[in-house]
N, C-alpha and C. Protein backbone atom coordinates (compact mmCIF):
# COMPACT_ATOMS: atom_id res chain seq x y z
N MET A 1 -125.97 -12.29 -118.61
CA MET A 1 -125.37 -10.99 -118.38
C MET A 1 -126.40 -9.98 -117.86
N ALA A 2 -127.66 -10.32 -117.89
CA ALA A 2 -128.69 -9.39 -117.40
C ALA A 2 -128.49 -9.09 -115.93
N HIS A 3 -128.11 -10.11 -115.16
CA HIS A 3 -127.90 -9.89 -113.72
C HIS A 3 -126.74 -8.93 -113.48
N TYR A 4 -125.75 -8.95 -114.35
CA TYR A 4 -124.59 -8.05 -114.23
C TYR A 4 -125.03 -6.61 -114.41
N GLY A 5 -125.78 -6.34 -115.47
CA GLY A 5 -126.27 -4.99 -115.74
C GLY A 5 -127.22 -4.50 -114.66
N ALA A 6 -128.08 -5.40 -114.19
CA ALA A 6 -129.03 -5.02 -113.14
C ALA A 6 -128.31 -4.65 -111.86
N THR A 7 -127.29 -5.42 -111.50
CA THR A 7 -126.53 -5.13 -110.29
C THR A 7 -125.83 -3.79 -110.38
N LYS A 8 -125.22 -3.51 -111.51
CA LYS A 8 -124.54 -2.21 -111.69
C LYS A 8 -125.54 -1.06 -111.60
N THR A 9 -126.71 -1.22 -112.20
CA THR A 9 -127.72 -0.18 -112.16
C THR A 9 -128.20 0.05 -110.73
N MET A 10 -128.38 -1.03 -109.98
CA MET A 10 -128.81 -0.89 -108.58
C MET A 10 -127.74 -0.20 -107.74
N GLN A 11 -126.48 -0.55 -107.95
CA GLN A 11 -125.40 0.10 -107.20
C GLN A 11 -125.37 1.60 -107.48
N LEU A 12 -125.51 1.98 -108.72
CA LEU A 12 -125.51 3.39 -109.09
C LEU A 12 -126.72 4.10 -108.49
N SER A 13 -127.85 3.46 -108.51
CA SER A 13 -129.07 4.05 -107.95
C SER A 13 -128.93 4.27 -106.45
N ILE A 14 -128.35 3.32 -105.75
CA ILE A 14 -128.14 3.47 -104.31
C ILE A 14 -127.20 4.63 -104.03
N ALA A 15 -126.12 4.75 -104.80
CA ALA A 15 -125.17 5.84 -104.60
C ALA A 15 -125.85 7.19 -104.85
N ARG A 16 -126.63 7.28 -105.89
CA ARG A 16 -127.33 8.54 -106.20
C ARG A 16 -128.33 8.89 -105.10
N SER A 17 -129.04 7.88 -104.60
CA SER A 17 -130.01 8.12 -103.52
C SER A 17 -129.31 8.59 -102.25
N LEU A 18 -128.20 7.95 -101.91
CA LEU A 18 -127.45 8.38 -100.74
C LEU A 18 -126.90 9.79 -100.91
N ALA A 19 -126.44 10.12 -102.08
CA ALA A 19 -125.94 11.47 -102.35
C ALA A 19 -127.06 12.49 -102.18
N GLU A 20 -128.25 12.15 -102.64
CA GLU A 20 -129.39 13.06 -102.49
C GLU A 20 -129.77 13.22 -101.01
N LEU A 21 -129.75 12.12 -100.28
CA LEU A 21 -130.10 12.16 -98.85
C LEU A 21 -129.10 12.98 -98.03
N THR A 22 -127.85 12.98 -98.43
CA THR A 22 -126.82 13.66 -97.65
C THR A 22 -126.48 15.04 -98.22
N LYS A 23 -127.28 15.51 -99.16
CA LYS A 23 -127.04 16.84 -99.76
C LYS A 23 -127.08 17.90 -98.65
N GLY A 24 -126.12 18.83 -98.69
CA GLY A 24 -126.08 19.89 -97.70
C GLY A 24 -125.32 19.52 -96.43
N THR A 25 -124.82 18.32 -96.37
CA THR A 25 -124.01 17.88 -95.23
C THR A 25 -122.55 17.80 -95.70
N GLU A 26 -121.70 17.39 -94.82
CA GLU A 26 -120.29 17.24 -95.19
C GLU A 26 -119.96 15.82 -95.66
N VAL A 27 -120.99 15.08 -95.99
CA VAL A 27 -120.81 13.70 -96.44
C VAL A 27 -120.71 13.68 -97.97
N THR A 28 -119.70 13.00 -98.48
CA THR A 28 -119.54 12.82 -99.91
C THR A 28 -119.78 11.35 -100.24
N VAL A 29 -120.60 11.10 -101.23
CA VAL A 29 -120.89 9.73 -101.65
C VAL A 29 -120.19 9.49 -102.99
N LYS A 30 -119.41 8.43 -103.03
CA LYS A 30 -118.73 8.05 -104.27
C LYS A 30 -119.01 6.58 -104.55
N SER A 31 -118.98 6.23 -105.80
CA SER A 31 -119.22 4.85 -106.20
C SER A 31 -118.28 4.48 -107.33
N VAL A 32 -117.65 3.33 -107.21
CA VAL A 32 -116.76 2.83 -108.25
C VAL A 32 -117.41 1.59 -108.85
N LEU A 33 -117.66 1.65 -110.14
CA LEU A 33 -118.30 0.53 -110.84
C LEU A 33 -117.41 0.09 -112.00
N PRO A 34 -116.41 -0.73 -111.71
CA PRO A 34 -115.51 -1.16 -112.79
C PRO A 34 -116.24 -2.04 -113.81
N GLY A 35 -115.69 -2.07 -114.99
CA GLY A 35 -116.28 -2.88 -116.05
C GLY A 35 -115.93 -4.35 -115.90
N PRO A 36 -116.38 -5.16 -116.85
CA PRO A 36 -116.11 -6.60 -116.77
C PRO A 36 -114.63 -6.91 -116.97
N THR A 37 -114.19 -8.00 -116.39
CA THR A 37 -112.83 -8.48 -116.55
C THR A 37 -112.81 -9.46 -117.72
N ARG A 38 -111.80 -9.34 -118.56
CA ARG A 38 -111.73 -10.21 -119.74
C ARG A 38 -111.31 -11.61 -119.32
N THR A 39 -112.30 -12.44 -119.07
CA THR A 39 -112.07 -13.84 -118.72
C THR A 39 -112.46 -14.72 -119.91
N GLU A 40 -112.17 -15.98 -119.82
CA GLU A 40 -112.56 -16.90 -120.90
C GLU A 40 -114.07 -16.92 -121.09
N ASN A 41 -114.82 -16.85 -119.98
CA ASN A 41 -116.28 -16.85 -120.10
C ASN A 41 -116.78 -15.61 -120.84
N ILE A 42 -116.20 -14.47 -120.58
CA ILE A 42 -116.59 -13.24 -121.28
C ILE A 42 -116.22 -13.36 -122.76
N LYS A 43 -115.02 -13.84 -123.04
CA LYS A 43 -114.61 -14.02 -124.44
C LYS A 43 -115.55 -14.97 -125.17
N ASN A 44 -115.92 -16.08 -124.54
CA ASN A 44 -116.83 -17.05 -125.15
C ASN A 44 -118.21 -16.42 -125.38
N PHE A 45 -118.67 -15.63 -124.42
CA PHE A 45 -119.97 -14.95 -124.56
C PHE A 45 -119.95 -14.00 -125.75
N VAL A 46 -118.90 -13.21 -125.89
CA VAL A 46 -118.79 -12.26 -127.01
C VAL A 46 -118.73 -13.02 -128.33
N ARG A 47 -117.96 -14.11 -128.37
CA ARG A 47 -117.89 -14.92 -129.60
C ARG A 47 -119.25 -15.52 -129.95
N TYR A 48 -120.01 -15.90 -128.94
CA TYR A 48 -121.33 -16.47 -129.15
C TYR A 48 -122.29 -15.43 -129.74
N ILE A 49 -122.23 -14.21 -129.19
CA ILE A 49 -123.12 -13.14 -129.64
C ILE A 49 -122.69 -12.59 -131.01
N PHE A 50 -121.36 -12.46 -131.22
CA PHE A 50 -120.82 -11.90 -132.45
C PHE A 50 -119.85 -12.90 -133.10
N PRO A 51 -120.38 -13.94 -133.73
CA PRO A 51 -119.51 -14.99 -134.26
C PRO A 51 -118.56 -14.51 -135.37
N ASP A 52 -118.91 -13.44 -136.09
CA ASP A 52 -118.06 -12.96 -137.18
C ASP A 52 -117.04 -11.93 -136.75
N LEU A 53 -117.01 -11.60 -135.46
CA LEU A 53 -116.07 -10.61 -134.95
C LEU A 53 -114.65 -11.19 -134.97
N PRO A 54 -113.68 -10.45 -135.54
CA PRO A 54 -112.30 -10.98 -135.55
C PRO A 54 -111.75 -11.04 -134.13
N PRO A 55 -110.88 -12.00 -133.84
CA PRO A 55 -110.32 -12.12 -132.49
C PRO A 55 -109.50 -10.88 -132.12
N ALA A 56 -109.54 -10.54 -130.84
CA ALA A 56 -108.79 -9.36 -130.36
C ALA A 56 -107.36 -9.73 -130.01
């Protein structure tokens, strides 16, 4: 999951940098960073990390 967090952080950093570069112009920079999708792999990962967590 480290690669997931790193990618999100890089995307946000790029958006902030572009917003700073275009400050004072008519350019608006927006970034959408949706969260993880609840897949079987994510569920298995959460169960592995928190084995005592009750099922959702």
